[in-house]
C-alpha atoms as a PDB file:
ATOM      1  CA  UNK A   1     -37.097 -20.735 -32.357  1.00  0.00           C
ATOM      2  CA  UNK A   2     -38.366 -21.516 -28.804  1.00  0.00           C
ATOM      3  CA  UNK A   3     -38.773 -25.307 -27.636  1.00  0.00           C
ATOM      4  CA  UNK A   4     -39.750 -24.659 -24.191  1.00  0.00           C
ATOM      5  CA  UNK A   5     -43.064 -23.390 -23.270  1.00  0.00           C
ATOM      6  CA  UNK A   6     -44.552 -22.459 -19.596  1.00  0.00           C
ATOM      7  CA  UNK A   7     -47.995 -21.876 -18.458  1.00  0.00           C
ATOM      8  CA  UNK A   8     -48.693 -20.482 -14.838  1.00  0.00           C
ATOM      9  CA  UNK A   9     -51.872 -20.754 -13.027  1.00  0.00           C
ATOM     10  CA  UNK A  10     -51.782 -18.047 -10.238  1.00  0.00           C
ATOM     11  CA  UNK A  11     -52.688 -18.786  -6.817  1.00  0.00           C
ATOM     12  CA  UNK A  12     -53.934 -22.241  -7.719  1.00  0.00           C
ATOM     13  CA  UNK A  13     -53.759 -24.093  -4.386  1.00  0.00           C
ATOM     14  CA  UNK A  14     -52.137 -24.202  -1.003  1.00  0.00           C
ATOM     15  CA  UNK A  15     -51.536 -27.889  -0.776  1.00  0.00           C
ATOM     16  CA  UNK A  16     -48.267 -29.720  -1.081  1.00  0.00           C
ATOM     17  CA  UNK A  17     -48.020 -30.965  -4.543  1.00  0.00           C
ATOM     18  CA  UNK A  18     -45.221 -33.299  -5.870  1.00  0.00           C
ATOM     19  CA  UNK A  19     -43.423 -32.363  -9.037  1.00  0.00           C
ATOM     20  CA  UNK A  20     -44.171 -34.596 -12.044  1.00  0.00           C
ATOM     21  CA  UNK A  21     -42.687 -35.047 -15.482  1.00  0.00           C
ATOM     22  CA  UNK A  22     -43.629 -37.197 -18.210  1.00  0.00           C
ATOM     23  CA  UNK A  23     -42.916 -38.065 -21.994  1.00  0.00           C
ATOM     24  CA  UNK A  24     -45.672 -37.605 -24.343  1.00  0.00           C
ATOM     25  CA  UNK A  25     -45.382 -39.140 -27.609  1.00  0.00           C
ATOM     26  CA  UNK A  26     -46.195 -37.114 -30.612  1.00  0.00           C
ATOM     27  CA  UNK A  27     -47.357 -39.449 -33.419  1.00  0.00           C
ATOM     28  CA  UNK A  28     -47.243 -37.065 -36.134  1.00  0.00           C
ATOM     29  CA  UNK A  29     -46.045 -37.189 -39.852  1.00  0.00           C
ATOM     30  CA  UNK A  30     -44.922 -33.940 -41.218  1.00  0.00           C
ATOM     31  CA  UNK A  31     -44.180 -32.954 -44.826  1.00  0.00           C
ATOM     32  CA  UNK A  32     -40.532 -31.475 -45.244  1.00  0.00           C
ATOM     33  CA  UNK A  33     -37.881 -30.898 -47.964  1.00  0.00           C
ATOM     34  CA  UNK A  34     -35.603 -32.738 -45.963  1.00  0.00           C
ATOM     35  CA  UNK A  35     -36.887 -36.274 -47.333  1.00  0.00           C
ATOM     36  CA  UNK A  36     -39.203 -37.005 -50.338  1.00  0.00           C
ATOM     37  CA  UNK A  37     -41.978 -38.506 -48.216  1.00  0.00           C
ATOM     38  CA  UNK A  38     -43.844 -38.000 -44.991  1.00  0.00           C
ATOM     39  CA  UNK A  39     -41.701 -38.677 -41.875  1.00  0.00           C
ATOM     40  CA  UNK A  40     -42.464 -39.611 -38.401  1.00  0.00           C
ATOM     41  CA  UNK A  41     -41.099 -36.614 -36.595  1.00  0.00           C
ATOM     42  CA  UNK A  42     -39.909 -38.613 -33.790  1.00  0.00           C
ATOM     43  CA  UNK A  43     -40.644 -35.794 -31.659  1.00  0.00           C
ATOM     44  CA  UNK A  44     -41.843 -36.047 -27.937  1.00  0.00           C
ATOM     45  CA  UNK A  45     -43.180 -33.429 -25.511  1.00  0.00           C
ATOM     46  CA  UNK A  46     -41.723 -33.767 -22.004  1.00  0.00           C
ATOM     47  CA  UNK A  47     -44.353 -32.262 -19.563  1.00  0.00           C
ATOM     48  CA  UNK A  48     -43.385 -30.727 -16.227  1.00  0.00           C
ATOM     49  CA  UNK A  49     -45.907 -30.104 -13.686  1.00  0.00           C
ATOM     50  CA  UNK A  50     -44.728 -28.270 -10.303  1.00  0.00           C
ATOM     51  CA  UNK A  51     -45.580 -25.884  -7.719  1.00  0.00           C
ATOM     52  CA  UNK A  52     -44.088 -22.482  -7.485  1.00  0.00           C
ATOM     53  CA  UNK A  53     -45.087 -20.926  -4.014  1.00  0.00           C
ATOM     54  CA  UNK A  54     -48.915 -21.063  -4.732  1.00  0.00           C
ATOM     55  CA  UNK A  55     -48.823 -21.139  -8.477  1.00  0.00           C
ATOM     56  CA  UNK A  56     -48.980 -24.129 -10.588  1.00  0.00           C
ATOM     57  CA  UNK A  57     -46.711 -24.195 -13.584  1.00  0.00           C
ATOM     58  CA  UNK A  58     -46.894 -26.453 -16.761  1.00  0.00           C
ATOM     59  CA  UNK A  59     -44.019 -26.814 -18.742  1.00  0.00           C
ATOM     60  CA  UNK A  60     -43.404 -28.285 -22.254  1.00  0.00           C
ATOM     61  CA  UNK A  61     -40.166 -29.028 -23.765  1.00  0.00           C
ATOM     62  CA  UNK A  62     -39.828 -30.519 -27.256  1.00  0.00           C
ATOM     63  CA  UNK A  63     -37.241 -33.463 -27.036  1.00  0.00           C
ATOM     64  CA  UNK A  64     -36.046 -36.160 -29.335  1.00  0.00           C
ATOM     65  CA  UNK A  65     -33.628 -39.284 -29.597  1.00  0.00           C
ATOM     66  CA  UNK A  66     -29.766 -38.741 -29.647  1.00  0.00           C
ATOM     67  CA  UNK A  67     -27.964 -41.449 -31.357  1.00  0.00           C
ATOM     68  CA  UNK A  68     -24.772 -40.284 -29.525  1.00  0.00           C
ATOM     69  CA  UNK A  69     -26.228 -39.885 -26.186  1.00  0.00           C
ATOM     70  CA  UNK A  70     -28.583 -42.913 -26.576  1.00  0.00           C
ATOM     71  CA  UNK A  71     -31.393 -41.297 -24.569  1.00  0.00           C
ATOM     72  CA  UNK A  72     -33.928 -38.339 -25.425  1.00  0.00           C
ATOM     73  CA  UNK A  73     -32.765 -35.004 -25.140  1.00  0.00           C
ATOM     74  CA  UNK A  74     -33.127 -31.257 -26.394  1.00  0.00           C
ATOM     75  CA  UNK A  75     -33.423 -30.959 -30.162  1.00  0.00           C
ATOM     76  CA  UNK A  76     -30.165 -29.316 -30.545  1.00  0.00           C
ATOM     77  CA  UNK A  77     -28.502 -32.496 -29.310  1.00  0.00           C
ATOM     78  CA  UNK A  78     -30.605 -34.927 -30.993  1.00  0.00           C
ATOM     79  CA  UNK A  79     -30.349 -36.599 -34.396  1.00  0.00           C
ATOM     80  CA  UNK A  80     -32.170 -33.685 -35.976  1.00  0.00           C
ATOM     81  CA  UNK A  81     -28.978 -31.686 -35.547  1.00  0.00           C
ATOM     82  CA  UNK A  82     -26.874 -34.143 -37.254  1.00  0.00           C
ATOM     83  CA  UNK A  83     -25.526 -33.416 -40.752  1.00  0.00           C
ATOM     84  CA  UNK A  84     -28.087 -35.373 -42.736  1.00  0.00           C
ATOM     85  CA  UNK A  85     -30.826 -32.565 -41.341  1.00  0.00           C
ATOM     86  CA  UNK A  86     -28.753 -29.747 -40.257  1.00  0.00           C
ATOM     87  CA  UNK A  87     -28.330 -28.352 -43.639  1.00  0.00           C
ATOM     88  CA  UNK A  88     -32.202 -28.292 -44.029  1.00  0.00           C
ATOM     89  CA  UNK A  89     -32.663 -26.242 -40.809  1.00  0.00           C
ATOM     90  CA  UNK A  90     -34.702 -29.244 -39.590  1.00  0.00           C
ATOM     91  CA  UNK A  91     -34.933 -28.095 -36.079  1.00  0.00           C
ATOM     92  CA  UNK A  92     -36.367 -24.539 -37.097  1.00  0.00           C
ATOM     93  CA  UNK A  93     -38.856 -26.339 -39.076  1.00  0.00           C
ATOM     94  CA  UNK A  94     -39.900 -28.524 -36.372  1.00  0.00           C
ATOM     95  CA  UNK A  95     -40.220 -25.901 -33.870  1.00  0.00           C
ATOM     96  CA  UNK A  96     -42.208 -23.789 -36.175  1.00  0.00           C
ATOM     97  CA  UNK A  97     -44.559 -26.655 -36.987  1.00  0.00           C
ATOM     98  CA  UNK A  98     -45.256 -27.733 -33.406  1.00  0.00           C
ATOM     99  CA  UNK A  99     -45.293 -24.147 -31.567  1.00  0.00           C
ATOM    100  CA  UNK A 100     -49.031 -23.697 -32.314  1.00  0.00           C
ATOM    101  CA  UNK A 101     -49.966 -27.146 -31.027  1.00  0.00           C
ATOM    102  CA  UNK A 102     -48.165 -26.760 -27.634  1.00  0.00           C
ATOM    103  CA  UNK A 103     -49.846 -23.045 -27.633  1.00  0.00           C
ATOM    104  CA  UNK A 104     -53.239 -24.727 -27.931  1.00  0.00           C
ATOM    105  CA  UNK A 105     -52.325 -27.633 -25.557  1.00  0.00           C
ATOM    106  CA  UNK A 106     -51.394 -25.095 -23.011  1.00  0.00           C
ATOM    107  CA  UNK A 107     -54.349 -23.100 -23.711  1.00  0.00           C
ATOM    108  CA  UNK A 108     -56.178 -25.923 -22.440  1.00  0.00           C
ATOM    109  CA  UNK A 109     -55.287 -25.183 -18.951  1.00  0.00           C
ATOM    110  CA  UNK A 110     -56.905 -21.636 -19.026  1.00  0.00           C
ATOM    111  CA  UNK A 111     -60.239 -23.668 -18.134  1.00  0.00           C
ATOM    112  CA  UNK A 112     -58.706 -25.279 -15.341  1.00  0.00           C
ATOM    113  CA  UNK A 113     -60.022 -23.970 -11.765  1.00  0.00           C
ATOM    114  CA  UNK A 114     -60.137 -27.279  -9.553  1.00  0.00           C
ATOM    115  CA  UNK A 115     -57.323 -29.279  -8.226  1.00  0.00           C
ATOM    116  CA  UNK A 116     -59.327 -32.440  -9.344  1.00  0.00           C
ATOM    117  CA  UNK A 117     -58.732 -31.376 -12.917  1.00  0.00           C
ATOM    118  CA  UNK A 118     -55.144 -31.411 -12.476  1.00  0.00           C
ATOM    119  CA  UNK A 119     -55.219 -34.810 -10.869  1.00  0.00           C
ATOM    120  CA  UNK A 120     -57.357 -36.028 -13.715  1.00  0.00           C
ATOM    121  CA  UNK A 121     -54.759 -34.911 -16.093  1.00  0.00           C
ATOM    122  CA  UNK A 122     -51.980 -36.318 -14.286  1.00  0.00           C
ATOM    123  CA  UNK A 123     -53.666 -39.765 -14.081  1.00  0.00           C
ATOM    124  CA  UNK A 124     -54.384 -39.769 -17.780  1.00  0.00           C
ATOM    125  CA  UNK A 125     -50.531 -39.089 -18.104  1.00  0.00           C
ATOM    126  CA  UNK A 126     -49.369 -41.872 -16.131  1.00  0.00           C
ATOM    127  CA  UNK A 127     -52.041 -44.210 -17.454  1.00  0.00           C
ATOM    128  CA  UNK A 128     -51.947 -44.056 -21.280  1.00  0.00           C
ATOM    129  CA  UNK A 129     -54.793 -45.608 -23.377  1.00  0.00           C
ATOM    130  CA  UNK A 130     -53.532 -48.701 -25.175  1.00  0.00           C
ATOM    131  CA  UNK A 131     -55.410 -50.056 -28.306  1.00  0.00           C
ATOM    132  CA  UNK A 132     -54.731 -53.534 -29.107  1.00  0.00           C
ATOM    133  CA  UNK A 133     -54.917 -54.830 -32.600  1.00  0.00           C
ATOM    134  CA  UNK A 134     -58.003 -57.046 -32.936  1.00  0.00           C
ATOM    135  CA  UNK A 135     -55.748 -59.940 -33.918  1.00  0.00           C
ATOM    136  CA  UNK A 136     -53.990 -59.952 -30.672  1.00  0.00           C
ATOM    137  CA  UNK A 137     -57.402 -60.022 -28.915  1.00  0.00           C
ATOM    138  CA  UNK A 138     -58.092 -63.144 -30.937  1.00  0.00           C
ATOM    139  CA  UNK A 139     -55.285 -65.056 -29.403  1.00  0.00           C
ATOM    140  CA  UNK A 140     -54.435 -63.543 -26.055  1.00  0.00           C
ATOM    141  CA  UNK A 141     -56.513 -62.752 -23.076  1.00  0.00           C
ATOM    142  CA  UNK A 142     -56.845 -59.133 -21.977  1.00  0.00           C
ATOM    143  CA  UNK A 143     -54.562 -59.991 -18.822  1.00  0.00           C
ATOM    144  CA  UNK A 144     -52.029 -61.552 -20.949  1.00  0.00           C
ATOM    145  CA  UNK A 145     -52.040 -58.364 -23.386  1.00  0.00           C
ATOM    146  CA  UNK A 146     -51.628 -56.304 -20.422  1.00  0.00           C
ATOM    147  CA  UNK A 147     -48.651 -58.142 -19.120  1.00  0.00           C
ATOM    148  CA  UNK A 148     -47.124 -58.084 -22.613  1.00  0.00           C
ATOM    149  CA  UNK A 149     -47.637 -54.259 -22.991  1.00  0.00           C
ATOM    150  CA  UNK A 150     -46.222 -53.553 -19.589  1.00  0.00           C
ATOM    151  CA  UNK A 151     -42.777 -54.775 -20.729  1.00  0.00           C
ATOM    152  CA  UNK A 152     -42.637 -51.723 -23.134  1.00  0.00           C
ATOM    153  CA  UNK A 153     -42.271 -48.018 -22.312  1.00  0.00           C
ATOM    154  CA  UNK A 154     -45.552 -46.953 -23.588  1.00  0.00           C
ATOM    155  CA  UNK A 155     -46.166 -43.066 -23.537  1.00  0.00           C
ATOM    156  CA  UNK A 156     -49.535 -41.122 -23.521  1.00  0.00           C
ATOM    157  CA  UNK A 157     -50.044 -40.171 -27.130  1.00  0.00           C
ATOM    158  CA  UNK A 158     -51.055 -36.374 -27.760  1.00  0.00           C
ATOM    159  CA  UNK A 159     -53.960 -35.604 -30.057  1.00  0.00           C
ATOM    160  CA  UNK A 160     -51.942 -33.602 -32.540  1.00  0.00           C
ATOM    161  CA  UNK A 161     -54.584 -32.998 -35.131  1.00  0.00           C
ATOM    162  CA  UNK A 162     -57.067 -31.911 -32.676  1.00  0.00           C
ATOM    163  CA  UNK A 163     -54.539 -29.185 -30.974  1.00  0.00           C
ATOM    164  CA  UNK A 164     -53.365 -27.992 -34.418  1.00  0.00           C
ATOM    165  CA  UNK A 165     -56.841 -25.944 -34.562  1.00  0.00           C
ATOM    166  CA  UNK A 166     -58.293 -26.026 -30.997  1.00  0.00           C
ATOM    167  CA  UNK A 167     -57.629 -26.116 -27.274  1.00  0.00           C
ATOM    168  CA  UNK A 168     -59.486 -28.631 -25.010  1.00  0.00           C
ATOM    169  CA  UNK A 169     -62.154 -26.974 -22.880  1.00  0.00           C
ATOM    170  CA  UNK A 170     -63.745 -30.324 -21.867  1.00  0.00           C
ATOM    171  CA  UNK A 171     -61.345 -31.178 -19.164  1.00  0.00           C
ATOM    172  CA  UNK A 172     -58.822 -32.920 -21.313  1.00  0.00           C
ATOM    173  CA  UNK A 173     -61.347 -35.265 -22.971  1.00  0.00           C
ATOM    174  CA  UNK A 174     -59.681 -34.747 -26.294  1.00  0.00           C
ATOM    175  CA  UNK A 175     -56.056 -34.456 -25.254  1.00  0.00           C
ATOM    176  CA  UNK A 176     -54.931 -38.094 -25.830  1.00  0.00           C
ATOM    177  CA  UNK A 177     -55.470 -40.445 -28.370  1.00  0.00           C
ATOM    178  CA  UNK A 178     -54.776 -44.455 -28.050  1.00  0.00           C
ATOM    179  CA  UNK A 179     -51.271 -45.907 -28.505  1.00  0.00           C
ATOM    180  CA  UNK A 180     -51.738 -48.608 -30.905  1.00  0.00           C
ATOM    181  CA  UNK A 181     -50.049 -51.977 -29.939  1.00  0.00           C
ATOM    182  CA  UNK A 182     -49.691 -54.365 -32.672  1.00  0.00           C
ATOM    183  CA  UNK A 183     -46.563 -56.112 -33.937  1.00  0.00           C
ATOM    184  CA  UNK A 184     -44.379 -56.939 -31.059  1.00  0.00           C
ATOM    185  CA  UNK A 185     -40.564 -57.874 -30.927  1.00  0.00           C
ATOM    186  CA  UNK A 186     -39.765 -59.187 -27.362  1.00  0.00           C
ATOM    187  CA  UNK A 187     -36.637 -61.247 -26.371  1.00  0.00           C
ATOM    188  CA  UNK A 188     -36.039 -62.558 -30.098  1.00  0.00           C
ATOM    189  CA  UNK A 189     -39.848 -63.380 -30.483  1.00  0.00           C
ATOM    190  CA  UNK A 190     -41.860 -61.515 -33.084  1.00  0.00           C
ATOM    191  CA  UNK A 191     -45.685 -61.450 -32.647  1.00  0.00           C
ATOM    192  CA  UNK A 192     -46.831 -60.117 -36.275  1.00  0.00           C
ATOM    193  CA  UNK A 193     -50.238 -58.938 -37.326  1.00  0.00           C
ATOM    194  CA  UNK A 194     -49.541 -57.995 -40.705  1.00  0.00           C
ATOM    195  CA  UNK A 195     -48.305 -60.656 -42.724  1.00  0.00           C
ATOM    196  CA  UNK A 196     -51.530 -62.359 -43.998  1.00  0.00           C
ATOM    197  CA  UNK A 197     -55.261 -61.857 -43.902  1.00  0.00           C
ATOM    198  CA  UNK A 198     -55.851 -64.383 -41.303  1.00  0.00           C
ATOM    199  CA  UNK A 199     -57.574 -63.103 -38.256  1.00  0.00           C
ATOM    200  CA  UNK A 200     -54.915 -64.482 -35.913  1.00  0.00           C
ATOM    201  CA  UNK A 201     -51.305 -63.000 -35.250  1.00  0.00           C
ATOM    202  CA  UNK A 202     -48.393 -65.218 -36.114  1.00  0.00           C
ATOM    203  CA  UNK A 203     -45.779 -65.906 -33.539  1.00  0.00           C
ATOM    204  CA  UNK A 204     -41.875 -66.535 -34.551  1.00  0.00           C
ATOM    205  CA  UNK A 205     -39.032 -67.569 -32.616  1.00  0.00           C
ATOM    206  CA  UNK A 206     -36.237 -65.614 -34.007  1.00  0.00           C
ATOM    207  CA  UNK A 207     -33.767 -67.867 -32.374  1.00  0.00           C
ATOM    208  CA  UNK A 208     -34.979 -70.751 -34.334  1.00  0.00           C
ATOM    209  CA  UNK A 209     -32.702 -71.441 -37.303  1.00  0.00           C
ATOM    210  CA  UNK A 210     -35.814 -71.844 -39.337  1.00  0.00           C
ATOM    211  CA  UNK A 211     -37.463 -68.470 -38.594  1.00  0.00           C
ATOM    212  CA  UNK A 212     -40.202 -68.974 -40.716  1.00  0.00           C
ATOM    213  CA  UNK A 213     -41.892 -71.630 -38.369  1.00  0.00           C
ATOM    214  CA  UNK A 214     -44.773 -70.426 -36.340  1.00  0.00           C
ATOM    215  CA  UNK A 215     -44.798 -71.253 -32.746  1.00  0.00           C
ATOM    216  CA  UNK A 216     -47.651 -71.708 -30.346  1.00  0.00           C
ATOM    217  CA  UNK A 217     -48.842 -69.217 -27.565  1.00  0.00           C
ATOM    218  CA  UNK A 218     -47.970 -71.779 -25.048  1.00  0.00           C
ATOM    219  CA  UNK A 219     -44.345 -72.252 -26.622  1.00  0.00           C
ATOM    220  CA  UNK A 220     -44.157 -68.305 -26.530  1.00  0.00           C
ATOM    221  CA  UNK A 221     -44.971 -67.987 -22.975  1.00  0.00           C
ATOM    222  CA  UNK A 222     -42.906 -70.975 -21.663  1.00  0.00           C
ATOM    223  CA  UNK A 223     -39.650 -69.896 -23.742  1.00  0.00           C
ATOM    224  CA  UNK A 224     -40.377 -66.174 -22.745  1.00  0.00           C
ATOM    225  CA  UNK A 225     -40.088 -66.963 -18.998  1.00  0.00           C
ATOM    226  CA  UNK A 226     -36.854 -68.968 -19.640  1.00  0.00           C
ATOM    227  CA  UNK A 227     -35.408 -66.095 -21.515  1.00  0.00           C
ATOM    228  CA  UNK A 228     -36.228 -63.520 -18.883  1.00  0.00           C
ATOM    229  CA  UNK A 229     -34.926 -65.581 -15.889  1.00  0.00           C
ATOM    230  CA  UNK A 230     -31.529 -66.376 -17.588  1.00  0.00           C
END
């Protein structure tokens, strides 16, 4: 089953174009007989955008995490090819599941005829939408949240449910959905939003022998700076 797809826009432009690539998170839970319940597929799309002569080429490769290589790689070298999943033909099922989604995603580029549309798409790739949990907003300023989220590798999140049945003919307006930023683990701190019904997050210092003790925002930023400078 194919795991690499190409779309070519012929004679698109003459100007110089720097090759780009970016990972796109595929936040999708799929039903499979590999396990009893739904499982987050752990699949990413690696998007390549490059110029070939005067043509613009968009490539999509399905990738996943490799426990052995400690990085994202092709499905055949990922954990989906390990013994727990190999006997269930997991890679073939994943490829079959995502092939129509990738097809519809690439079909979106049939509507592209201006360079600014590609530049807009690249901008969205490089600047993923982040949705902060409301509890975080109640404790942190927006600038503080942006600082915290910048410490993580956050990827654009493709709108899987839309592309199961559609292509996006409105200049990529439906292509991406927000990446949710909620419970955070950072330098042995936990900022939790799901432990109670209060409207404020709870911060724990996991270095503290009594991990159940909450710490203040002031303590968190002060200690975080120390740990990052050690």
